[in-house]
N, C-alpha and C. Protein backbone atom coordinates (compact mmCIF):
# COMPACT_ATOMS: atom_id res chain seq x y z
N MET A 1 -0.04 4.37 59.28
CA MET A 1 -0.56 5.65 58.83
C MET A 1 0.02 6.06 57.48
N SER A 2 1.32 5.90 57.35
CA SER A 2 1.93 6.30 56.08
C SER A 2 1.49 5.38 54.94
N ILE A 3 1.25 4.10 55.23
CA ILE A 3 0.79 3.16 54.20
C ILE A 3 -0.59 3.59 53.70
N ARG A 4 -1.45 3.92 54.65
CA ARG A 4 -2.79 4.34 54.30
C ARG A 4 -2.74 5.61 53.44
N GLY A 5 -1.87 6.52 53.81
CA GLY A 5 -1.73 7.76 53.03
C GLY A 5 -1.28 7.48 51.61
N SER A 6 -0.37 6.54 51.45
CA SER A 6 0.12 6.23 50.11
C SER A 6 -0.97 5.55 49.28
N LYS A 7 -1.83 4.76 49.95
CA LYS A 7 -2.93 4.12 49.21
C LYS A 7 -3.88 5.19 48.67
N VAL A 8 -4.21 6.13 49.50
CA VAL A 8 -5.09 7.22 49.06
C VAL A 8 -4.44 7.96 47.90
N HIS A 9 -3.16 8.20 48.04
CA HIS A 9 -2.43 8.91 47.00
C HIS A 9 -2.43 8.12 45.69
N SER A 10 -2.19 6.79 45.79
CA SER A 10 -2.12 5.99 44.58
C SER A 10 -3.48 5.92 43.88
N SER A 11 -4.55 5.88 44.65
CA SER A 11 -5.87 5.81 44.00
C SER A 11 -6.18 7.13 43.29
N SER A 12 -5.83 8.25 43.92
CA SER A 12 -6.07 9.53 43.25
C SER A 12 -5.14 9.67 42.04
N ASN A 13 -3.94 9.11 42.17
CA ASN A 13 -3.00 9.10 41.06
C ASN A 13 -3.56 8.34 39.87
N ALA A 14 -4.13 7.16 40.16
CA ALA A 14 -4.73 6.34 39.10
C ALA A 14 -5.88 7.09 38.45
N ARG A 15 -6.67 7.79 39.27
CA ARG A 15 -7.80 8.56 38.74
C ARG A 15 -7.29 9.66 37.82
N LEU A 16 -6.22 10.33 38.24
CA LEU A 16 -5.65 11.38 37.40
C LEU A 16 -5.12 10.83 36.09
N LYS A 17 -4.43 9.69 36.18
CA LYS A 17 -3.90 9.07 34.97
C LYS A 17 -5.03 8.71 34.02
N ARG A 18 -6.11 8.15 34.58
CA ARG A 18 -7.24 7.74 33.74
C ARG A 18 -7.86 8.96 33.07
N SER A 19 -8.06 10.02 33.83
CA SER A 19 -8.69 11.20 33.26
C SER A 19 -7.79 11.86 32.22
N SER A 20 -6.47 11.83 32.45
CA SER A 20 -5.58 12.43 31.46
C SER A 20 -5.54 11.58 30.20
N ARG A 21 -5.63 10.24 30.37
CA ARG A 21 -5.70 9.38 29.19
C ARG A 21 -6.95 9.67 28.39
N LEU A 22 -8.06 9.83 29.09
CA LEU A 22 -9.32 10.13 28.41
C LEU A 22 -9.24 11.47 27.69
N SER A 23 -8.65 12.47 28.34
CA SER A 23 -8.55 13.76 27.69
C SER A 23 -7.61 13.70 26.49
N ASN A 24 -6.56 12.86 26.59
CA ASN A 24 -5.68 12.68 25.43
C ASN A 24 -6.44 12.09 24.26
N VAL A 25 -7.26 11.08 24.54
CA VAL A 25 -8.08 10.48 23.49
C VAL A 25 -9.01 11.53 22.90
N GLY A 26 -9.62 12.33 23.76
CA GLY A 26 -10.50 13.39 23.28
C GLY A 26 -9.76 14.38 22.41
N ASN A 27 -8.54 14.74 22.81
CA ASN A 27 -7.75 15.69 22.02
C ASN A 27 -7.38 15.10 20.67
N ILE A 28 -7.04 13.80 20.67
CA ILE A 28 -6.68 13.15 19.41
C ILE A 28 -7.89 13.12 18.48
N LEU A 29 -9.06 12.76 19.05
CA LEU A 29 -10.27 12.72 18.23
C LEU A 29 -10.59 14.10 17.69
N LEU A 30 -10.46 15.12 18.54
CA LEU A 30 -10.75 16.48 18.12
C LEU A 30 -9.80 16.91 17.01
N SER A 31 -8.51 16.62 17.17
CA SER A 31 -7.55 17.05 16.17
C SER A 31 -7.78 16.34 14.84
N THR A 32 -8.13 15.04 14.89
CA THR A 32 -8.39 14.35 13.62
C THR A 32 -9.66 14.88 12.98
N ARG A 33 -10.65 15.23 13.81
CA ARG A 33 -11.88 15.80 13.24
C ARG A 33 -11.59 17.14 12.58
N LEU A 34 -10.77 17.96 13.25
CA LEU A 34 -10.42 19.26 12.68
C LEU A 34 -9.62 19.08 11.39
N GLN A 35 -8.71 18.11 11.38
CA GLN A 35 -7.94 17.85 10.16
C GLN A 35 -8.87 17.42 9.03
N ALA A 36 -9.83 16.57 9.34
CA ALA A 36 -10.78 16.11 8.33
C ALA A 36 -11.62 17.28 7.81
N GLU A 37 -12.07 18.15 8.72
CA GLU A 37 -12.86 19.31 8.30
C GLU A 37 -12.03 20.23 7.41
N ASN A 38 -10.77 20.44 7.78
CA ASN A 38 -9.91 21.29 6.96
C ASN A 38 -9.70 20.69 5.58
N GLU A 39 -9.55 19.37 5.52
CA GLU A 39 -9.37 18.68 4.24
C GLU A 39 -10.61 18.86 3.37
N LEU A 40 -11.78 18.70 3.99
CA LEU A 40 -13.03 18.88 3.24
C LEU A 40 -13.17 20.31 2.74
N LYS A 41 -12.82 21.28 3.58
CA LYS A 41 -12.88 22.68 3.16
C LYS A 41 -11.97 22.92 1.97
N LYS A 42 -10.77 22.34 2.04
CA LYS A 42 -9.81 22.51 0.95
C LYS A 42 -10.35 21.91 -0.34
N GLN A 43 -10.94 20.72 -0.24
CA GLN A 43 -11.51 20.07 -1.42
C GLN A 43 -12.66 20.89 -1.99
N ASP A 44 -13.52 21.43 -1.11
CA ASP A 44 -14.62 22.27 -1.57
C ASP A 44 -14.09 23.49 -2.31
N LYS A 45 -13.05 24.10 -1.75
CA LYS A 45 -12.46 25.28 -2.36
C LYS A 45 -11.92 24.94 -3.74
N GLU A 46 -11.24 23.78 -3.85
CA GLU A 46 -10.70 23.35 -5.14
C GLU A 46 -11.81 23.11 -6.14
N LYS A 47 -12.91 22.51 -5.70
CA LYS A 47 -14.05 22.27 -6.59
C LYS A 47 -14.61 23.59 -7.09
N LYS A 48 -14.75 24.56 -6.17
CA LYS A 48 -15.31 25.85 -6.54
C LYS A 48 -14.41 26.56 -7.54
N THR A 49 -13.10 26.52 -7.30
CA THR A 49 -12.20 27.21 -8.23
C THR A 49 -12.19 26.53 -9.59
N SER A 50 -12.26 25.20 -9.62
CA SER A 50 -12.27 24.51 -10.91
C SER A 50 -13.58 24.80 -11.64
N ARG A 51 -14.69 24.88 -10.89
CA ARG A 51 -15.98 25.21 -11.50
C ARG A 51 -15.94 26.62 -12.07
N ARG A 52 -15.37 27.55 -11.29
CA ARG A 52 -15.27 28.93 -11.73
C ARG A 52 -14.39 29.04 -12.98
N ARG A 53 -13.31 28.25 -12.97
CA ARG A 53 -12.40 28.25 -14.12
C ARG A 53 -13.13 27.76 -15.37
N LYS A 54 -13.93 26.70 -15.21
CA LYS A 54 -14.71 26.17 -16.34
C LYS A 54 -15.69 27.22 -16.85
N GLU A 55 -16.35 27.93 -15.92
CA GLU A 55 -17.30 28.97 -16.31
C GLU A 55 -16.59 30.06 -17.10
N LEU A 56 -15.42 30.47 -16.64
CA LEU A 56 -14.67 31.50 -17.34
C LEU A 56 -14.26 31.04 -18.73
N VAL A 57 -13.84 29.80 -18.83
CA VAL A 57 -13.43 29.26 -20.13
C VAL A 57 -14.61 29.26 -21.09
N THR A 58 -15.79 28.84 -20.60
CA THR A 58 -16.96 28.81 -21.49
C THR A 58 -17.37 30.22 -21.88
N LYS A 59 -17.21 31.19 -20.98
CA LYS A 59 -17.53 32.58 -21.32
C LYS A 59 -16.59 33.10 -22.39
N VAL A 60 -15.34 32.77 -22.27
CA VAL A 60 -14.35 33.23 -23.24
C VAL A 60 -14.61 32.59 -24.60
N GLN A 61 -14.98 31.33 -24.61
CA GLN A 61 -15.21 30.62 -25.87
C GLN A 61 -16.44 31.16 -26.60
N THR A 62 -17.49 31.58 -25.88
CA THR A 62 -18.71 32.03 -26.56
C THR A 62 -18.63 33.46 -27.01
């Protein structure tokens, strides 16, 4: 009886481990996606500020 109980326990344990591994992978993918999005936002912001700076310089020159 106790052997059977431990088998049931080990299979549910394996299932839990598998699901937690999958969720870890999902979290890693999500975090890298968020990091990539933040990097793109930062680059866009830098482009906009440099464009604005160029516009201001041309206004001052004319």
